[in-house]
Structures are given as C-alpha cells and as structure tokens.
Amino acid sequence: MKYLYPLDEDLDFNPTFGFKGLDFVQTSSASPEQYDVFDNGEPIAYVRLRWGSLTVTDVAHHDIYMTASPEGADGIFVDYSQREDYLNKAAVAILKVIDPDYEDLSARPVDPRFKRKYWSF
C-alpha cells in the first residue's frame, strides 16, 4: 500500500478504521491526528485534524471537505465516538466527490460560491 504521508514512528502499528466502505489508515496519532484514505487499496484522500480544524484533501491536494472545530479537539479527537462521527462525515464528503449521485442525508453543500465541493456538518 502506498501512503500519501510518512507513517507515525511513535505508533507500533497504524490502525485502520472502516467508514462507509473506505479504509482510513492512521498515519499520525496526535498533533495532527491524520489518516490516508483508501478505496479498494488505492489512495484517494488525506484527512487531518490540526489546530481544531478537520480537513480532507484529495491526492492532488485539493480541499474537498472542511469543518469547524470538533468540540474539545485540537490535534487529536477526544474519544472514539467523536472520531467515528467526524470520520464518517469525511467519508460522506469523499464519496460525494467520487460519485456526485451518492446519497447521504447528512451531507449538504454549505456555500454554492465555492468552486470545489465543501461540506460542513
């Protein structure tokens, strides 16, 4: 598997989380907490929680998702429940870029003036 960013040397292993059929491989555990996202083994996105903002970029480094600060999170999610909630939202945003017909009621455009697709939840 080709990673988008170097793996975190502090991790004994790089945990993988599955959300909406995508694999989120944790490449850094804190400050920033970050993930490479794979679809059928192919890298498709990069997720990072840094300075209280969650961003998702595609492999060409185009922003496809941004959200305001997850409550209490700076460079790491405060618990698994928060991680699960925000990574699921990131997965929806990624899937909407891959397939514009993808249906998920929690995904909605925030501002039509953006040239790329940005979602806020």
PDB file of N, CA and C in Angstrom:
ATOM      1  N   MET A   1       0.836  -1.167   0.000  1.00  0.00           N
ATOM      2  CA  MET A   1       0.000   0.000   0.000  1.00  0.00           C
ATOM      3  C   MET A   1       0.885   1.235   0.000  1.00  0.00           C
ATOM      4  N   LYS A   2       0.659   2.151  -0.898  1.00  0.00           N
ATOM      5  CA  LYS A   2       1.442   3.381  -0.964  1.00  0.00           C
ATOM      6  C   LYS A   2       0.766   4.445  -0.117  1.00  0.00           C
ATOM      7  N   TYR A   3       1.501   4.991   0.848  1.00  0.00           N
ATOM      8  CA  TYR A   3       0.950   6.003   1.739  1.00  0.00           C
ATOM      9  C   TYR A   3       1.216   7.389   1.178  1.00  0.00           C
ATOM     10  N   LEU A   4       0.295   8.306   1.478  1.00  0.00           N
ATOM     11  CA  LEU A   4       0.431   9.676   0.989  1.00  0.00           C
ATOM     12  C   LEU A   4       1.427  10.472   1.814  1.00  0.00           C
ATOM     13  N   TYR A   5       1.502  10.163   3.106  1.00  0.00           N
ATOM     14  CA  TYR A   5       2.399  10.865   4.009  1.00  0.00           C
ATOM     15  C   TYR A   5       3.133   9.835   4.847  1.00  0.00           C
ATOM     16  N   PRO A   6       4.292  10.186   5.396  1.00  0.00           N
ATOM     17  CA  PRO A   6       5.061   9.212   6.188  1.00  0.00           C
ATOM     18  C   PRO A   6       4.260   8.719   7.386  1.00  0.00           C
ATOM     19  N   LEU A   7       4.496   7.481   7.761  1.00  0.00           N
ATOM     20  CA  LEU A   7       3.822   6.910   8.907  1.00  0.00           C
ATOM     21  C   LEU A   7       4.400   7.477  10.194  1.00  0.00           C
ATOM     22  N   ASP A   8       3.596   7.493  11.242  1.00  0.00           N
ATOM     23  CA  ASP A   8       3.994   7.983  12.552  1.00  0.00           C
ATOM     24  C   ASP A   8       4.903   6.953  13.204  1.00  0.00           C
ATOM     25  N   GLU A   9       6.131   7.305  13.459  1.00  0.00           N
ATOM     26  CA  GLU A   9       7.084   6.370  14.048  1.00  0.00           C
ATOM     27  C   GLU A   9       6.747   6.046  15.496  1.00  0.00           C
ATOM     28  N   ASP A  10       5.898   6.882  16.140  1.00  0.00           N
ATOM     29  CA  ASP A  10       5.514   6.623  17.526  1.00  0.00           C
ATOM     30  C   ASP A  10       4.482   5.512  17.636  1.00  0.00           C
ATOM     31  N   LEU A  11       3.822   5.177  16.541  1.00  0.00           N
ATOM     32  CA  LEU A  11       2.824   4.111  16.571  1.00  0.00           C
ATOM     33  C   LEU A  11       3.507   2.769  16.336  1.00  0.00           C
ATOM     34  N   ASP A  12       3.130   1.775  17.148  1.00  0.00           N
ATOM     35  CA  ASP A  12       3.648   0.430  16.929  1.00  0.00           C
ATOM     36  C   ASP A  12       3.031  -0.178  15.675  1.00  0.00           C
ATOM     37  N   PHE A  13       1.852   0.276  15.349  1.00  0.00           N
ATOM     38  CA  PHE A  13       1.161  -0.154  14.139  1.00  0.00           C
ATOM     39  C   PHE A  13       0.291   1.013  13.701  1.00  0.00           C
ATOM     40  N   ASN A  14      -0.188   0.969  12.510  1.00  0.00           N
ATOM     41  CA  ASN A  14      -1.038   2.035  12.011  1.00  0.00           C
ATOM     42  C   ASN A  14      -2.466   1.515  11.906  1.00  0.00           C
ATOM     43  N   PRO A  15      -3.304   1.878  12.889  1.00  0.00           N
ATOM     44  CA  PRO A  15      -4.669   1.355  12.908  1.00  0.00           C
ATOM     45  C   PRO A  15      -5.450   1.754  11.661  1.00  0.00           C
ATOM     46  N   THR A  16      -6.309   0.853  11.230  1.00  0.00           N
ATOM     47  CA  THR A  16      -7.174   1.111  10.087  1.00  0.00           C
ATOM     48  C   THR A  16      -8.614   1.105  10.570  1.00  0.00           C
ATOM     49  N   PHE A  17      -9.342   2.136  10.178  1.00  0.00           N
ATOM     50  CA  PHE A  17     -10.755   2.257  10.504  1.00  0.00           C
ATOM     51  C   PHE A  17     -11.540   2.214   9.207  1.00  0.00           C
ATOM     52  N   GLY A  18     -12.655   1.508   9.203  1.00  0.00           N
ATOM     53  CA  GLY A  18     -13.503   1.452   8.023  1.00  0.00           C
ATOM     54  C   GLY A  18     -14.730   2.323   8.203  1.00  0.00           C
ATOM     55  N   PHE A  19     -14.949   3.245   7.276  1.00  0.00           N
ATOM     56  CA  PHE A  19     -16.119   4.107   7.306  1.00  0.00           C
ATOM     57  C   PHE A  19     -16.725   4.164   5.914  1.00  0.00           C
ATOM     58  N   LYS A  20     -17.987   3.741   5.814  1.00  0.00           N
ATOM     59  CA  LYS A  20     -18.747   3.807   4.564  1.00  0.00           C
ATOM     60  C   LYS A  20     -18.015   3.144   3.404  1.00  0.00           C
ATOM     61  N   GLY A  21     -17.313   2.026   3.696  1.00  0.00           N
ATOM     62  CA  GLY A  21     -16.634   1.268   2.656  1.00  0.00           C
ATOM     63  C   GLY A  21     -15.239   1.758   2.311  1.00  0.00           C
ATOM     64  N   LEU A  22     -14.777   2.824   2.962  1.00  0.00           N
ATOM     65  CA  LEU A  22     -13.424   3.343   2.733  1.00  0.00           C
ATOM     66  C   LEU A  22     -12.542   2.952   3.913  1.00  0.00           C
ATOM     67  N   ASP A  23     -11.235   2.776   3.656  1.00  0.00           N
ATOM     68  CA  ASP A  23     -10.273   2.458   4.712  1.00  0.00           C
ATOM     69  C   ASP A  23      -9.515   3.711   5.110  1.00  0.00           C
ATOM     70  N   PHE A  24      -9.576   4.065   6.383  1.00  0.00           N
ATOM     71  CA  PHE A  24      -8.845   5.199   6.942  1.00  0.00           C
ATOM     72  C   PHE A  24      -7.670   4.617   7.715  1.00  0.00           C
ATOM     73  N   VAL A  25      -6.456   4.801   7.220  1.00  0.00           N
ATOM     74  CA  VAL A  25      -5.249   4.290   7.880  1.00  0.00           C
ATOM     75  C   VAL A  25      -4.610   5.445   8.641  1.00  0.00           C
ATOM     76  N   GLN A  26      -4.540   5.302   9.965  1.00  0.00           N
ATOM     77  CA  GLN A  26      -3.984   6.371  10.791  1.00  0.00           C
ATOM     78  C   GLN A  26      -2.473   6.434  10.587  1.00  0.00           C
ATOM     79  N   THR A  27      -1.984   7.592  10.145  1.00  0.00           N
ATOM     80  CA  THR A  27      -0.558   7.767   9.901  1.00  0.00           C
ATOM     81  C   THR A  27       0.100   8.651  10.953  1.00  0.00           C
ATOM     82  N   SER A  28      -0.703   9.309  11.775  1.00  0.00           N
ATOM     83  CA  SER A  28      -0.184  10.080  12.900  1.00  0.00           C
ATOM     84  C   SER A  28      -1.249  10.070  13.982  1.00  0.00           C
ATOM     85  N   SER A  29      -0.828   9.854  15.214  1.00  0.00           N
ATOM     86  CA  SER A  29      -1.787   9.683  16.299  1.00  0.00           C
ATOM     87  C   SER A  29      -2.206  10.983  16.971  1.00  0.00           C
ATOM     88  N   ALA A  30      -1.419  12.045  16.850  1.00  0.00           N
ATOM     89  CA  ALA A  30      -1.780  13.302  17.511  1.00  0.00           C
ATOM     90  C   ALA A  30      -0.961  14.458  16.970  1.00  0.00           C
ATOM     91  N   SER A  31      -1.598  15.609  16.959  1.00  0.00           N
ATOM     92  CA  SER A  31      -0.974  16.905  16.643  1.00  0.00           C
ATOM     93  C   SER A  31      -0.120  16.904  15.383  1.00  0.00           C
ATOM     94  N   PRO A  32      -0.674  16.635  14.248  1.00  0.00           N
ATOM     95  CA  PRO A  32      -2.080  16.385  13.963  1.00  0.00           C
ATOM     96  C   PRO A  32      -2.397  14.889  13.953  1.00  0.00           C
ATOM     97  N   GLU A  33      -3.654  14.569  14.264  1.00  0.00           N
ATOM     98  CA  GLU A  33      -4.152  13.220  14.019  1.00  0.00           C
ATOM     99  C   GLU A  33      -4.480  13.178  12.528  1.00  0.00           C
ATOM    100  N   GLN A  34      -3.920  12.202  11.822  1.00  0.00           N
ATOM    101  CA  GLN A  34      -4.120  12.194  10.369  1.00  0.00           C
ATOM    102  C   GLN A  34      -4.255  10.775   9.826  1.00  0.00           C
ATOM    103  N   TYR A  35      -4.881  10.716   8.656  1.00  0.00           N
ATOM    104  CA  TYR A  35      -5.217   9.441   8.031  1.00  0.00           C
ATOM    105  C   TYR A  35      -5.010   9.529   6.527  1.00  0.00           C
ATOM    106  N   ASP A  36      -4.542   8.435   5.943  1.00  0.00           N
ATOM    107  CA  ASP A  36      -4.623   8.247   4.497  1.00  0.00           C
ATOM    108  C   ASP A  36      -5.894   7.453   4.259  1.00  0.00           C
ATOM    109  N   VAL A  37      -6.640   7.798   3.210  1.00  0.00           N
ATOM    110  CA  VAL A  37      -7.904   7.130   2.922  1.00  0.00           C
ATOM    111  C   VAL A  37      -7.759   6.351   1.622  1.00  0.00           C
ATOM    112  N   PHE A  38      -8.193   5.088   1.661  1.00  0.00           N
ATOM    113  CA  PHE A  38      -8.055   4.194   0.517  1.00  0.00           C
ATOM    114  C   PHE A  38      -9.412   3.661   0.092  1.00  0.00           C
ATOM    115  N   ASP A  39      -9.579   3.489  -1.206  1.00  0.00           N
ATOM    116  CA  ASP A  39     -10.746   2.833  -1.774  1.00  0.00           C
ATOM    117  C   ASP A  39     -10.229   1.671  -2.601  1.00  0.00           C
ATOM    118  N   ASN A  40     -10.531   0.460  -2.174  1.00  0.00           N
ATOM    119  CA  ASN A  40     -10.020  -0.754  -2.839  1.00  0.00           C
ATOM    120  C   ASN A  40      -8.501  -0.732  -2.989  1.00  0.00           C
ATOM    121  N   GLY A  41      -7.799  -0.292  -1.949  1.00  0.00           N
ATOM    122  CA  GLY A  41      -6.343  -0.288  -1.947  1.00  0.00           C
ATOM    123  C   GLY A  41      -5.687   0.895  -2.631  1.00  0.00           C
ATOM    124  N   GLU A  42      -6.477   1.755  -3.266  1.00  0.00           N
ATOM    125  CA  GLU A  42      -5.929   2.929  -3.950  1.00  0.00           C
ATOM    126  C   GLU A  42      -6.069   4.163  -3.055  1.00  0.00           C
ATOM    127  N   PRO A  43      -4.982   4.950  -2.882  1.00  0.00           N
ATOM    128  CA  PRO A  43      -5.103   6.165  -2.077  1.00  0.00           C
ATOM    129  C   PRO A  43      -6.004   7.180  -2.784  1.00  0.00           C
ATOM    130  N   ILE A  44      -6.968   7.729  -2.040  1.00  0.00           N
ATOM    131  CA  ILE A  44      -7.885   8.692  -2.655  1.00  0.00           C
ATOM    132  C   ILE A  44      -7.983  10.005  -1.891  1.00  0.00           C
ATOM    133  N   ALA A  45      -7.576  10.016  -0.610  1.00  0.00           N
ATOM    134  CA  ALA A  45      -7.718  11.248   0.163  1.00  0.00           C
ATOM    135  C   ALA A  45      -6.804  11.219   1.388  1.00  0.00           C
ATOM    136  N   TYR A  46      -6.689  12.389   1.993  1.00  0.00           N
ATOM    137  CA  TYR A  46      -5.879  12.590   3.187  1.00  0.00           C
ATOM    138  C   TYR A  46      -6.727  13.390   4.178  1.00  0.00           C
ATOM    139  N   VAL A  47      -6.799  12.930   5.426  1.00  0.00           N
ATOM    140  CA  VAL A  47      -7.607  13.576   6.461  1.00  0.00           C
ATOM    141  C   VAL A  47      -6.674  14.030   7.573  1.00  0.00           C
ATOM    142  N   ARG A  48      -6.898  15.275   8.046  1.00  0.00           N
ATOM    143  CA  ARG A  48      -6.033  15.790   9.110  1.00  0.00           C
ATOM    144  C   ARG A  48      -6.847  16.643  10.081  1.00  0.00           C
ATOM    145  N   LEU A  49      -6.644  16.387  11.369  1.00  0.00           N
ATOM    146  CA  LEU A  49      -7.203  17.222  12.427  1.00  0.00           C
ATOM    147  C   LEU A  49      -6.050  17.996  13.040  1.00  0.00           C
ATOM    148  N   ARG A  50      -6.012  19.287  12.782  1.00  0.00           N
ATOM    149  CA  ARG A  50      -4.908  20.115  13.267  1.00  0.00           C
ATOM    150  C   ARG A  50      -5.463  21.465  13.695  1.00  0.00           C
ATOM    151  N   TRP A  51      -4.993  21.943  14.831  1.00  0.00           N
ATOM    152  CA  TRP A  51      -5.406  23.232  15.375  1.00  0.00           C
ATOM    153  C   TRP A  51      -6.926  23.343  15.427  1.00  0.00           C
ATOM    154  N   GLY A  52      -7.580  22.231  15.727  1.00  0.00           N
ATOM    155  CA  GLY A  52      -9.011  22.241  15.908  1.00  0.00           C
ATOM    156  C   GLY A  52      -9.838  22.219  14.634  1.00  0.00           C
ATOM    157  N   SER A  53      -9.223  22.064  13.466  1.00  0.00           N
ATOM    158  CA  SER A  53      -9.966  22.004  12.211  1.00  0.00           C
ATOM    159  C   SER A  53      -9.715  20.676  11.522  1.00  0.00           C
ATOM    160  N   LEU A  54     -10.784  20.088  11.023  1.00  0.00           N
ATOM    161  CA  LEU A  54     -10.686  18.849  10.269  1.00  0.00           C
ATOM    162  C   LEU A  54     -10.738  19.189   8.791  1.00  0.00           C
ATOM    163  N   THR A  55      -9.723  18.749   8.040  1.00  0.00           N
ATOM    164  CA  THR A  55      -9.697  18.984   6.596  1.00  0.00           C
ATOM    165  C   THR A  55      -9.485  17.661   5.876  1.00  0.00           C
ATOM    166  N   VAL A  56     -10.051  17.589   4.677  1.00  0.00           N
ATOM    167  CA  VAL A  56      -9.866  16.429   3.809  1.00  0.00           C
ATOM    168  C   VAL A  56      -9.420  16.954   2.456  1.00  0.00           C
ATOM    169  N   THR A  57      -8.334  16.395   1.941  1.00  0.00           N
ATOM    170  CA  THR A  57      -7.877  16.754   0.600  1.00  0.00           C
ATOM    171  C   THR A  57      -7.803  15.500  -0.249  1.00  0.00           C
ATOM    172  N   ASP A  58      -7.938  15.693  -1.557  1.00  0.00           N
ATOM    173  CA  ASP A  58      -7.766  14.545  -2.446  1.00  0.00           C
ATOM    174  C   ASP A  58      -6.277  14.340  -2.689  1.00  0.00           C
ATOM    175  N   VAL A  59      -5.915  13.346  -3.489  1.00  0.00           N
ATOM    176  CA  VAL A  59      -4.500  13.031  -3.688  1.00  0.00           C
ATOM    177  C   VAL A  59      -3.758  14.131  -4.442  1.00  0.00           C
ATOM    178  N   ALA A  60      -4.487  15.020  -5.115  1.00  0.00           N
ATOM    179  CA  ALA A  60      -3.865  16.160  -5.793  1.00  0.00           C
ATOM    180  C   ALA A  60      -3.815  17.385  -4.873  1.00  0.00           C
ATOM    181  N   HIS A  61      -4.141  17.189  -3.600  1.00  0.00           N
ATOM    182  CA  HIS A  61      -4.110  18.221  -2.558  1.00  0.00           C
ATOM    183  C   HIS A  61      -5.168  19.303  -2.747  1.00  0.00           C
ATOM    184  N   HIS A  62      -6.279  18.970  -3.387  1.00  0.00           N
ATOM    185  CA  HIS A  62      -7.416  19.881  -3.463  1.00  0.00           C
ATOM    186  C   HIS A  62      -8.303  19.658  -2.250  1.00  0.00           C
ATOM    187  N   ASP A  63      -8.696  20.737  -1.595  1.00  0.00           N
ATOM    188  CA  ASP A  63      -9.594  20.615  -0.454  1.00  0.00           C
ATOM    189  C   ASP A  63     -10.953  20.134  -0.919  1.00  0.00           C
ATOM    190  N   ILE A  64     -11.473  19.097  -0.260  1.00  0.00           N
ATOM    191  CA  ILE A  64     -12.813  18.621  -0.601  1.00  0.00           C
ATOM    192  C   ILE A  64     -13.735  18.664   0.609  1.00  0.00           C
ATOM    193  N   TYR A  65     -13.204  18.929   1.794  1.00  0.00           N
ATOM    194  CA  TYR A  65     -14.032  18.971   2.994  1.00  0.00           C
ATOM    195  C   TYR A  65     -13.308  19.755   4.063  1.00  0.00           C
ATOM    196  N   MET A  66     -14.042  20.626   4.725  1.00  0.00           N
ATOM    197  CA  MET A  66     -13.502  21.347   5.873  1.00  0.00           C
ATOM    198  C   MET A  66     -14.626  21.507   6.875  1.00  0.00           C
ATOM    199  N   THR A  67     -14.300  21.490   8.143  1.00  0.00           N
ATOM    200  CA  THR A  67     -15.313  21.710   9.163  1.00  0.00           C
ATOM    201  C   THR A  67     -14.722  22.519  10.303  1.00  0.00           C
ATOM    202  N   ALA A  68     -15.604  23.222  10.988  1.00  0.00           N
ATOM    203  CA  ALA A  68     -15.188  23.974  12.164  1.00  0.00           C
ATOM    204  C   ALA A  68     -14.708  22.999  13.229  1.00  0.00           C
ATOM    205  N   SER A  69     -14.151  23.540  14.245  1.00  0.00           N
ATOM    206  CA  SER A  69     -13.526  22.752  15.298  1.00  0.00           C
ATOM    207  C   SER A  69     -14.454  21.704  15.902  1.00  0.00           C
ATOM    208  N   PRO A  70     -14.036  20.439  15.866  1.00  0.00           N
ATOM    209  CA  PRO A  70     -14.747  19.457  16.675  1.00  0.00           C
ATOM    210  C   PRO A  70     -14.571  19.850  18.142  1.00  0.00           C
ATOM    211  N   GLU A  71     -15.651  19.880  18.899  1.00  0.00           N
ATOM    212  CA  GLU A  71     -15.614  20.372  20.269  1.00  0.00           C
ATOM    213  C   GLU A  71     -14.562  19.656  21.116  1.00  0.00           C
ATOM    214  N   GLY A  72     -13.658  20.437  21.699  1.00  0.00           N
ATOM    215  CA  GLY A  72     -12.641  19.906  22.586  1.00  0.00           C
ATOM    216  C   GLY A  72     -11.419  19.332  21.894  1.00  0.00           C
ATOM    217  N   ALA A  73     -11.482  19.167  20.569  1.00  0.00           N
ATOM    218  CA  ALA A  73     -10.376  18.547  19.830  1.00  0.00           C
ATOM    219  C   ALA A  73      -9.445  19.624  19.302  1.00  0.00           C
ATOM    220  N   ASP A  74      -8.167  19.438  19.523  1.00  0.00           N
ATOM    221  CA  ASP A  74      -7.183  20.360  18.963  1.00  0.00           C
ATOM    222  C   ASP A  74      -6.426  19.629  17.870  1.00  0.00           C
ATOM    223  N   GLY A  75      -5.542  18.724  18.241  1.00  0.00           N
ATOM    224  CA  GLY A  75      -4.801  17.950  17.256  1.00  0.00           C
ATOM    225  C   GLY A  75      -5.099  16.474  17.370  1.00  0.00           C
ATOM    226  N   ILE A  76      -6.104  16.137  18.181  1.00  0.00           N
ATOM    227  CA  ILE A  76      -6.490  14.745  18.378  1.00  0.00           C
ATOM    228  C   ILE A  76      -7.959  14.724  18.804  1.00  0.00           C
ATOM    229  N   PHE A  77      -8.700  13.720  18.343  1.00  0.00           N
ATOM    230  CA  PHE A  77     -10.083  13.587  18.776  1.00  0.00           C
ATOM    231  C   PHE A  77     -10.115  13.249  20.252  1.00  0.00           C
ATOM    232  N   VAL A  78     -11.154  13.714  20.945  1.00  0.00           N
ATOM    233  CA  VAL A  78     -11.212  13.500  22.396  1.00  0.00           C
ATOM    234  C   VAL A  78     -11.604  12.075  22.763  1.00  0.00           C
ATOM    235  N   ASP A  79     -12.348  11.371  21.886  1.00  0.00           N
ATOM    236  CA  ASP A  79     -12.697   9.984  22.162  1.00  0.00           C
ATOM    237  C   ASP A  79     -13.091   9.291  20.856  1.00  0.00           C
ATOM    238  N   TYR A  80     -13.316   7.984  20.953  1.00  0.00           N
ATOM    239  CA  TYR A  80     -13.628   7.229  19.744  1.00  0.00           C
ATOM    240  C   TYR A  80     -14.950   7.663  19.138  1.00  0.00           C
ATOM    241  N   SER A  81     -15.910   8.014  19.954  1.00  0.00           N
ATOM    242  CA  SER A  81     -17.212   8.446  19.448  1.00  0.00           C
ATOM    243  C   SER A  81     -17.074   9.688  18.564  1.00  0.00           C
ATOM    244  N   GLN A  82     -16.277  10.645  19.006  1.00  0.00           N
ATOM    245  CA  GLN A  82     -16.048  11.859  18.207  1.00  0.00           C
ATOM    246  C   GLN A  82     -15.294  11.512  16.924  1.00  0.00           C
ATOM    247  N   ARG A  83     -14.293  10.651  17.035  1.00  0.00           N
ATOM    248  CA  ARG A  83     -13.526  10.215  15.863  1.00  0.00           C
ATOM    249  C   ARG A  83     -14.457   9.562  14.841  1.00  0.00           C
ATOM    250  N   GLU A  84     -15.291   8.648  15.319  1.00  0.00           N
ATOM    251  CA  GLU A  84     -16.219   7.944  14.440  1.00  0.00           C
ATOM    252  C   GLU A  84     -17.176   8.914  13.742  1.00  0.00           C
ATOM    253  N   ASP A  85     -17.713   9.862  14.480  1.00  0.00           N
ATOM    254  CA  ASP A  85     -18.649  10.833  13.919  1.00  0.00           C
ATOM    255  C   ASP A  85     -17.994  11.650  12.805  1.00  0.00           C
ATOM    256  N   TYR A  86     -16.829  12.212  13.075  1.00  0.00           N
ATOM    257  CA  TYR A  86     -16.186  13.090  12.087  1.00  0.00           C
ATOM    258  C   TYR A  86     -15.583  12.328  10.912  1.00  0.00           C
ATOM    259  N   LEU A  87     -15.052  11.131  11.148  1.00  0.00           N
ATOM    260  CA  LEU A  87     -14.509  10.371  10.016  1.00  0.00           C
ATOM    261  C   LEU A  87     -15.629   9.838   9.127  1.00  0.00           C
ATOM    262  N   ASN A  88     -16.788   9.539   9.696  1.00  0.00           N
ATOM    263  CA  ASN A  88     -17.944   9.181   8.872  1.00  0.00           C
ATOM    264  C   ASN A  88     -18.361  10.358   7.989  1.00  0.00           C
ATOM    265  N   LYS A  89     -18.366  11.563   8.545  1.00  0.00           N
ATOM    266  CA  LYS A  89     -18.703  12.757   7.761  1.00  0.00           C
ATOM    267  C   LYS A  89     -17.673  13.009   6.667  1.00  0.00           C
ATOM    268  N   ALA A  90     -16.414  12.774   6.983  1.00  0.00           N
ATOM    269  CA  ALA A  90     -15.366  12.913   5.964  1.00  0.00           C
ATOM    270  C   ALA A  90     -15.573  11.893   4.852  1.00  0.00           C
ATOM    271  N   ALA A  91     -15.938  10.659   5.228  1.00  0.00           N
ATOM    272  CA  ALA A  91     -16.183   9.613   4.230  1.00  0.00           C
ATOM    273  C   ALA A  91     -17.320  10.006   3.297  1.00  0.00           C
ATOM    274  N   VAL A  92     -18.383  10.583   3.848  1.00  0.00           N
ATOM    275  CA  VAL A  92     -19.509  11.026   3.011  1.00  0.00           C
ATOM    276  C   VAL A  92     -19.043  12.080   2.016  1.00  0.00           C
ATOM    277  N   ALA A  93     -18.260  13.042   2.479  1.00  0.00           N
ATOM    278  CA  ALA A  93     -17.769  14.101   1.584  1.00  0.00           C
ATOM    279  C   ALA A  93     -16.901  13.519   0.472  1.00  0.00           C
ATOM    280  N   ILE A  94     -16.031  12.565   0.820  1.00  0.00           N
ATOM    281  CA  ILE A  94     -15.172  11.926  -0.190  1.00  0.00           C
ATOM    282  C   ILE A  94     -16.025  11.181  -1.208  1.00  0.00           C
ATOM    283  N   LEU A  95     -17.007  10.432  -0.728  1.00  0.00           N
ATOM    284  CA  LEU A  95     -17.864   9.658  -1.626  1.00  0.00           C
ATOM    285  C   LEU A  95     -18.699  10.560  -2.524  1.00  0.00           C
ATOM    286  N   LYS A  96     -19.088  11.742  -2.036  1.00  0.00           N
ATOM    287  CA  LYS A  96     -19.834  12.687  -2.877  1.00  0.00           C
ATOM    288  C   LYS A  96     -18.958  13.234  -4.002  1.00  0.00           C
ATOM    289  N   VAL A  97     -17.663  13.332  -3.775  1.00  0.00           N
ATOM    290  CA  VAL A  97     -16.755  13.780  -4.840  1.00  0.00           C
ATOM    291  C   VAL A  97     -16.539  12.662  -5.854  1.00  0.00           C
ATOM    292  N   ILE A  98     -16.378  11.432  -5.362  1.00  0.00           N
ATOM    293  CA  ILE A  98     -16.193  10.290  -6.253  1.00  0.00           C
ATOM    294  C   ILE A  98     -17.442  10.056  -7.092  1.00  0.00           C
ATOM    295  N   ASP A  99     -18.600  10.115  -6.446  1.00  0.00           N
ATOM    296  CA  ASP A  99     -19.873   9.862  -7.120  1.00  0.00           C
ATOM    297  C   ASP A  99     -20.870  10.939  -6.708  1.00  0.00           C
ATOM    298  N   PRO A 100     -21.073  11.949  -7.553  1.00  0.00           N
ATOM    299  CA  PRO A 100     -21.995  13.043  -7.205  1.00  0.00           C
ATOM    300  C   PRO A 100     -23.419  12.574  -6.907  1.00  0.00           C
ATOM    301  N   ASP A 101     -23.784  11.364  -7.355  1.00  0.00           N
ATOM    302  CA  ASP A 101     -25.124  10.833  -7.079  1.00  0.00           C
ATOM    303  C   ASP A 101     -25.203  10.078  -5.754  1.00  0.00           C
ATOM    304  N   TYR A 102     -24.076   9.989  -5.037  1.00  0.00           N
ATOM    305  CA  TYR A 102     -24.081   9.297  -3.744  1.00  0.00           C
ATOM    306  C   TYR A 102     -25.081   9.991  -2.824  1.00  0.00           C
ATOM    307  N   GLU A 103     -25.943   9.214  -2.193  1.00  0.00           N
ATOM    308  CA  GLU A 103     -26.988   9.759  -1.322  1.00  0.00           C
ATOM    309  C   GLU A 103     -26.653   9.533   0.147  1.00  0.00           C
ATOM    310  N   ASP A 104     -26.616  10.607   0.897  1.00  0.00           N
ATOM    311  CA  ASP A 104     -26.492  10.536   2.345  1.00  0.00           C
ATOM    312  C   ASP A 104     -27.126  11.808   2.886  1.00  0.00           C
ATOM    313  N   LEU A 105     -28.117  11.682   3.711  1.00  0.00           N
ATOM    314  CA  LEU A 105     -28.860  12.841   4.184  1.00  0.00           C
ATOM    315  C   LEU A 105     -28.037  13.774   5.054  1.00  0.00           C
ATOM    316  N   SER A 106     -26.918  13.293   5.610  1.00  0.00           N
ATOM    317  CA  SER A 106     -26.108  14.168   6.464  1.00  0.00           C
ATOM    318  C   SER A 106     -25.182  15.069   5.661  1.00  0.00           C
ATOM    319  N   ALA A 107     -25.040  14.819   4.359  1.00  0.00           N
ATOM    320  CA  ALA A 107     -24.146  15.643   3.533  1.00  0.00           C
ATOM    321  C   ALA A 107     -24.952  16.733   2.848  1.00  0.00           C
ATOM    322  N   ARG A 108     -24.493  17.959   2.982  1.00  0.00           N
ATOM    323  CA  ARG A 108     -25.163  19.053   2.304  1.00  0.00           C
ATOM    324  C   ARG A 108     -24.155  20.152   1.982  1.00  0.00           C
ATOM    325  N   PRO A 109     -24.266  20.775   0.808  1.00  0.00           N
ATOM    326  CA  PRO A 109     -23.374  21.883   0.486  1.00  0.00           C
ATOM    327  C   PRO A 109     -23.632  23.066   1.418  1.00  0.00           C
ATOM    328  N   VAL A 110     -22.582  23.785   1.769  1.00  0.00           N
ATOM    329  CA  VAL A 110     -22.725  24.924   2.655  1.00  0.00           C
ATOM    330  C   VAL A 110     -22.841  26.210   1.876  1.00  0.00           C
ATOM    331  N   ASP A 111     -21.999  26.396   0.924  1.00  0.00           N
ATOM    332  CA  ASP A 111     -21.943  27.669   0.214  1.00  0.00           C
ATOM    333  C   ASP A 111     -21.733  27.411  -1.267  1.00  0.00           C
ATOM    334  N   PRO A 112     -22.711  27.734  -2.111  1.00  0.00           N
ATOM    335  CA  PRO A 112     -22.581  27.457  -3.541  1.00  0.00           C
ATOM    336  C   PRO A 112     -21.512  28.288  -4.239  1.00  0.00           C
ATOM    337  N   ARG A 113     -20.962  29.300  -3.562  1.00  0.00           N
ATOM    338  CA  ARG A 113     -19.923  30.113  -4.191  1.00  0.00           C
ATOM    339  C   ARG A 113     -18.589  29.386  -4.304  1.00  0.00           C
ATOM    340  N   PHE A 114     -18.400  28.320  -3.506  1.00  0.00           N
ATOM    341  CA  PHE A 114     -17.159  27.573  -3.589  1.00  0.00           C
ATOM    342  C   PHE A 114     -17.071  26.877  -4.936  1.00  0.00           C
ATOM    343  N   LYS A 115     -15.896  26.894  -5.534  1.00  0.00           N
ATOM    344  CA  LYS A 115     -15.707  26.217  -6.815  1.00  0.00           C
ATOM    345  C   LYS A 115     -15.616  24.712  -6.626  1.00  0.00           C
ATOM    346  N   ARG A 116     -15.023  24.284  -5.525  1.00  0.00           N
ATOM    347  CA  ARG A 116     -14.971  22.869  -5.203  1.00  0.00           C
ATOM    348  C   ARG A 116     -16.095  22.573  -4.236  1.00  0.00           C
ATOM    349  N   LYS A 117     -16.288  21.325  -3.921  1.00  0.00           N
ATOM    350  CA  LYS A 117     -17.373  20.939  -3.030  1.00  0.00           C
ATOM    351  C   LYS A 117     -16.880  20.951  -1.586  1.00  0.00           C
ATOM    352  N   TYR A 118     -17.496  21.780  -0.775  1.00  0.00           N
ATOM    353  CA  TYR A 118     -17.191  21.839   0.642  1.00  0.00           C
ATOM    354  C   TYR A 118     -18.443  21.495   1.411  1.00  0.00           C
ATOM    355  N   TRP A 119     -18.283  20.720   2.457  1.00  0.00           N
ATOM    356  CA  TRP A 119     -19.435  20.372   3.294  1.00  0.00           C
ATOM    357  C   TRP A 119     -19.121  20.748   4.725  1.00  0.00           C
ATOM    358  N   SER A 120     -20.131  21.123   5.444  1.00  0.00           N
ATOM    359  CA  SER A 120     -19.996  21.379   6.879  1.00  0.00           C
ATOM    360  C   SER A 120     -21.160  20.691   7.572  1.00  0.00           C
ATOM    361  N   PHE A 121     -20.889  20.054   8.679  1.00  0.00           N
ATOM    362  CA  PHE A 121     -21.934  19.313   9.362  1.00  0.00           C
ATOM    363  C   PHE A 121     -22.091  19.815  10.771  1.00  0.00           C
TER     364      PHE A 121
END
